[in-house]
Amino acid sequence: MQVRSEETEQRPRTNPFLTMRYLEFFLVQLITLAFFPMSLVMCWIVLGTETTRDLMAALIRDWIQTLCILLILGVTVMGALVWWVISWFA
């Protein structure tokens, strides 16, 4: 019979900021960016290194997603405008 210890059953730690609802994360992001340098320092002092790292990872992931969505939207709008102008002259 094999004895299981806590070390063998540890699961990877999940990022709590990625499991937040949209409005909750929006408020956290708004406060963090409004008081940018001090908010990260206070988060690091009060909550620790891992939570601050999780917050930064979630913020970066959200900004990358936003940029990708804006890029896709911009390409779609530009393509539609070009198609409209070409069809208008044809």
N, C-alpha and C. Protein backbone atom coordinates (compact mmCIF):
# COMPACT_ATOMS: atom_id res chain seq x y z
N MET A 1 0.84 -1.18 0.00
CA MET A 1 0.00 0.00 0.00
C MET A 1 0.88 1.24 0.00
N GLN A 2 0.56 2.17 -0.88
CA GLN A 2 1.37 3.37 -1.01
C GLN A 2 0.73 4.53 -0.25
N VAL A 3 1.52 5.21 0.51
CA VAL A 3 1.03 6.35 1.29
C VAL A 3 1.20 7.61 0.46
N ARG A 4 0.14 8.37 0.35
CA ARG A 4 0.21 9.62 -0.41
C ARG A 4 0.51 10.77 0.53
N SER A 5 1.44 11.55 0.14
CA SER A 5 1.77 12.72 0.94
C SER A 5 1.29 13.97 0.24
N GLU A 6 1.32 15.08 0.95
CA GLU A 6 0.89 16.35 0.36
C GLU A 6 1.79 16.77 -0.79
N GLU A 7 3.04 16.42 -0.73
CA GLU A 7 4.00 16.82 -1.76
C GLU A 7 3.69 16.16 -3.10
N THR A 8 3.23 14.92 -3.08
CA THR A 8 2.95 14.23 -4.33
C THR A 8 1.62 14.65 -4.93
N GLU A 9 0.70 15.21 -4.12
CA GLU A 9 -0.61 15.58 -4.62
C GLU A 9 -0.77 17.07 -4.85
N GLN A 10 0.30 17.83 -4.83
CA GLN A 10 0.18 19.26 -5.05
C GLN A 10 -0.19 19.54 -6.50
N ARG A 11 -1.20 20.35 -6.64
CA ARG A 11 -1.63 20.77 -7.96
C ARG A 11 -0.98 22.10 -8.27
N PRO A 12 -0.83 22.40 -9.56
CA PRO A 12 -0.28 23.72 -9.89
C PRO A 12 -1.22 24.82 -9.39
N ARG A 13 -0.63 25.87 -8.88
CA ARG A 13 -1.40 26.97 -8.33
C ARG A 13 -2.10 27.74 -9.44
N THR A 14 -3.38 28.02 -9.26
CA THR A 14 -4.13 28.77 -10.28
C THR A 14 -4.06 30.26 -9.97
N ASN A 15 -4.14 31.04 -11.01
CA ASN A 15 -4.10 32.50 -10.87
C ASN A 15 -5.49 32.97 -10.45
N PRO A 16 -5.63 33.55 -9.25
CA PRO A 16 -6.97 33.97 -8.81
C PRO A 16 -7.55 35.12 -9.63
N PHE A 17 -6.71 35.89 -10.28
CA PHE A 17 -7.19 37.01 -11.07
C PHE A 17 -7.80 36.55 -12.40
N LEU A 18 -7.41 35.38 -12.86
CA LEU A 18 -7.96 34.85 -14.11
C LEU A 18 -9.32 34.20 -13.90
N THR A 19 -9.67 33.91 -12.64
CA THR A 19 -10.97 33.30 -12.35
C THR A 19 -12.01 34.32 -11.95
N MET A 20 -11.63 35.60 -11.91
CA MET A 20 -12.58 36.66 -11.54
C MET A 20 -13.58 36.90 -12.66
N ARG A 21 -14.75 37.42 -12.27
CA ARG A 21 -15.72 37.83 -13.27
C ARG A 21 -15.24 39.11 -13.93
N TYR A 22 -15.86 39.45 -15.05
CA TYR A 22 -15.43 40.58 -15.86
C TYR A 22 -15.41 41.88 -15.05
N LEU A 23 -16.49 42.18 -14.36
CA LEU A 23 -16.60 43.43 -13.63
C LEU A 23 -15.60 43.50 -12.48
N GLU A 24 -15.41 42.39 -11.78
CA GLU A 24 -14.45 42.36 -10.68
C GLU A 24 -13.04 42.65 -11.17
N PHE A 25 -12.64 41.97 -12.25
CA PHE A 25 -11.30 42.18 -12.77
C PHE A 25 -11.15 43.58 -13.36
N PHE A 26 -12.22 44.11 -13.96
CA PHE A 26 -12.17 45.47 -14.48
C PHE A 26 -11.89 46.47 -13.36
N LEU A 27 -12.54 46.30 -12.22
CA LEU A 27 -12.31 47.21 -11.09
C LEU A 27 -10.89 47.06 -10.54
N VAL A 28 -10.40 45.84 -10.43
CA VAL A 28 -9.02 45.63 -9.98
C VAL A 28 -8.04 46.27 -10.95
N GLN A 29 -8.28 46.08 -12.24
CA GLN A 29 -7.41 46.66 -13.26
C GLN A 29 -7.47 48.18 -13.23
N LEU A 30 -8.65 48.74 -13.06
CA LEU A 30 -8.82 50.18 -13.02
C LEU A 30 -8.06 50.79 -11.84
N ILE A 31 -8.18 50.19 -10.67
CA ILE A 31 -7.47 50.70 -9.49
C ILE A 31 -5.97 50.54 -9.65
N THR A 32 -5.55 49.40 -10.19
CA THR A 32 -4.11 49.15 -10.37
C THR A 32 -3.50 50.15 -11.33
N LEU A 33 -4.17 50.41 -12.43
CA LEU A 33 -3.61 51.33 -13.42
C LEU A 33 -3.76 52.79 -13.00
N ALA A 34 -4.79 53.11 -12.22
CA ALA A 34 -4.97 54.49 -11.77
C ALA A 34 -3.86 54.91 -10.81
N PHE A 35 -3.43 54.00 -9.97
CA PHE A 35 -2.38 54.29 -9.00
C PHE A 35 -1.16 53.44 -9.29
N PHE A 36 -0.74 53.39 -10.57
CA PHE A 36 0.17 52.37 -11.07
C PHE A 36 1.41 52.08 -10.24
N PRO A 37 2.35 52.94 -10.05
CA PRO A 37 3.55 52.45 -9.37
C PRO A 37 3.27 52.06 -7.92
N MET A 38 2.47 52.87 -7.25
CA MET A 38 2.21 52.61 -5.83
C MET A 38 1.32 51.39 -5.62
N SER A 39 0.41 51.12 -6.56
CA SER A 39 -0.47 49.97 -6.38
C SER A 39 0.31 48.66 -6.41
N LEU A 40 1.31 48.57 -7.28
CA LEU A 40 2.11 47.34 -7.31
C LEU A 40 3.00 47.21 -6.09
N VAL A 41 3.52 48.32 -5.62
CA VAL A 41 4.35 48.28 -4.41
C VAL A 41 3.50 47.86 -3.22
N MET A 42 2.31 48.43 -3.10
CA MET A 42 1.42 48.06 -1.98
C MET A 42 0.97 46.60 -2.10
N CYS A 43 0.68 46.16 -3.31
CA CYS A 43 0.31 44.76 -3.52
C CYS A 43 1.45 43.84 -3.11
N TRP A 44 2.66 44.22 -3.46
CA TRP A 44 3.83 43.40 -3.12
C TRP A 44 4.04 43.36 -1.61
N ILE A 45 3.88 44.50 -0.94
CA ILE A 45 4.09 44.56 0.52
C ILE A 45 2.99 43.82 1.25
N VAL A 46 1.73 44.05 0.87
CA VAL A 46 0.60 43.50 1.61
C VAL A 46 0.31 42.05 1.24
N LEU A 47 0.30 41.74 -0.06
CA LEU A 47 -0.14 40.41 -0.49
C LEU A 47 0.99 39.44 -0.83
N GLY A 48 2.17 39.97 -1.09
CA GLY A 48 3.30 39.08 -1.36
C GLY A 48 3.69 39.02 -2.83
N THR A 49 4.78 38.32 -3.06
CA THR A 49 5.36 38.24 -4.39
C THR A 49 4.50 37.45 -5.37
N GLU A 50 3.97 36.31 -4.93
CA GLU A 50 3.21 35.46 -5.85
C GLU A 50 1.92 36.13 -6.33
N THR A 51 1.22 36.80 -5.42
CA THR A 51 -0.02 37.47 -5.81
C THR A 51 0.27 38.64 -6.75
N THR A 52 1.35 39.37 -6.48
CA THR A 52 1.72 40.47 -7.36
C THR A 52 2.10 39.94 -8.73
N ARG A 53 2.82 38.83 -8.78
CA ARG A 53 3.17 38.21 -10.06
C ARG A 53 1.91 37.74 -10.79
N ASP A 54 0.95 37.18 -10.06
CA ASP A 54 -0.31 36.76 -10.67
C ASP A 54 -1.08 37.95 -11.23
N LEU A 55 -1.08 39.07 -10.49
CA LEU A 55 -1.76 40.26 -10.96
C LEU A 55 -1.13 40.79 -12.23
N MET A 56 0.19 40.87 -12.26
CA MET A 56 0.87 41.36 -13.46
C MET A 56 0.63 40.44 -14.66
N ALA A 57 0.65 39.13 -14.43
CA ALA A 57 0.40 38.19 -15.52
C ALA A 57 -1.02 38.35 -16.06
N ALA A 58 -1.99 38.54 -15.17
CA ALA A 58 -3.37 38.72 -15.61
C ALA A 58 -3.54 40.04 -16.35
N LEU A 59 -2.89 41.10 -15.88
CA LEU A 59 -2.97 42.39 -16.56
C LEU A 59 -2.35 42.32 -17.95
N ILE A 60 -1.19 41.70 -18.05
CA ILE A 60 -0.52 41.58 -19.35
C ILE A 60 -1.36 40.73 -20.31
N ARG A 61 -1.92 39.63 -19.80
CA ARG A 61 -2.76 38.78 -20.64
C ARG A 61 -3.98 39.54 -21.14
N ASP A 62 -4.59 40.35 -20.26
CA ASP A 62 -5.76 41.12 -20.65
C ASP A 62 -5.41 42.17 -21.70
N TRP A 63 -4.28 42.85 -21.54
CA TRP A 63 -3.87 43.85 -22.53
C TRP A 63 -3.54 43.20 -23.86
N ILE A 64 -2.92 42.05 -23.86
CA ILE A 64 -2.62 41.35 -25.12
C ILE A 64 -3.91 40.94 -25.82
N GLN A 65 -4.87 40.43 -25.06
CA GLN A 65 -6.16 40.06 -25.64
C GLN A 65 -6.86 41.28 -26.23
N THR A 66 -6.82 42.39 -25.52
CA THR A 66 -7.45 43.62 -25.99
C THR A 66 -6.79 44.09 -27.28
N LEU A 67 -5.46 44.07 -27.33
CA LEU A 67 -4.75 44.49 -28.55
C LEU A 67 -5.07 43.58 -29.73
N CYS A 68 -5.17 42.28 -29.48
CA CYS A 68 -5.51 41.34 -30.56
C CYS A 68 -6.92 41.59 -31.08
N ILE A 69 -7.86 41.84 -30.18
CA ILE A 69 -9.23 42.12 -30.59
C ILE A 69 -9.29 43.41 -31.39
N LEU A 70 -8.58 44.45 -30.94
CA LEU A 70 -8.56 45.72 -31.67
C LEU A 70 -7.90 45.57 -33.03
N LEU A 71 -6.85 44.77 -33.10
CA LEU A 71 -6.18 44.54 -34.38
C LEU A 71 -7.10 43.82 -35.36
N ILE A 72 -7.78 42.79 -34.91
CA ILE A 72 -8.71 42.05 -35.77
C ILE A 72 -9.86 42.95 -36.20
N LEU A 73 -10.38 43.74 -35.28
CA LEU A 73 -11.47 44.66 -35.61
C LEU A 73 -11.00 45.71 -36.62
N GLY A 74 -9.79 46.26 -36.42
CA GLY A 74 -9.26 47.25 -37.35
C GLY A 74 -9.04 46.69 -38.74
N VAL A 75 -8.50 45.48 -38.82
CA VAL A 75 -8.28 44.84 -40.13
C VAL A 75 -9.62 44.57 -40.81
N THR A 76 -10.61 44.16 -40.05
CA THR A 76 -11.94 43.89 -40.63
C THR A 76 -12.57 45.17 -41.16
N VAL A 77 -12.50 46.23 -40.38
CA VAL A 77 -13.09 47.51 -40.82
C VAL A 77 -12.34 48.04 -42.04
N MET A 78 -11.03 47.99 -42.03
CA MET A 78 -10.25 48.46 -43.18
C MET A 78 -10.55 47.62 -44.43
N GLY A 79 -10.66 46.32 -44.26
CA GLY A 79 -11.01 45.45 -45.39
C GLY A 79 -12.38 45.78 -45.95
N ALA A 80 -13.33 46.04 -45.07
CA ALA A 80 -14.67 46.39 -45.52
C ALA A 80 -14.67 47.73 -46.25
N LEU A 81 -13.90 48.69 -45.73
CA LEU A 81 -13.81 50.00 -46.39
C LEU A 81 -13.16 49.88 -47.76
N VAL A 82 -12.08 49.13 -47.86
CA VAL A 82 -11.41 48.94 -49.14
C VAL A 82 -12.34 48.24 -50.12
N TRP A 83 -13.03 47.22 -49.67
CA TRP A 83 -13.98 46.51 -50.55
C TRP A 83 -15.08 47.45 -51.01
N TRP A 84 -15.58 48.31 -50.11
CA TRP A 84 -16.64 49.24 -50.45
C TRP A 84 -16.16 50.27 -51.48
N VAL A 85 -14.95 50.79 -51.29
CA VAL A 85 -14.42 51.79 -52.21
C VAL A 85 -14.16 51.16 -53.58
N ILE A 86 -13.59 49.95 -53.61
CA ILE A 86 -13.34 49.28 -54.89
C ILE A 86 -14.64 48.97 -55.60
N SER A 87 -15.65 48.50 -54.88
CA SER A 87 -16.94 48.18 -55.52
C SER A 87 -17.64 49.47 -55.98
N TRP A 88 -17.38 50.58 -55.33
CA TRP A 88 -18.00 51.84 -55.71
C TRP A 88 -17.43 52.35 -57.03
N PHE A 89 -16.09 52.18 -57.26
CA PHE A 89 -15.47 52.62 -58.48
C PHE A 89 -15.64 51.64 -59.64
N ALA A 90 -16.00 50.42 -59.36
CA ALA A 90 -16.10 49.41 -60.43
C ALA A 90 -17.37 49.48 -61.21
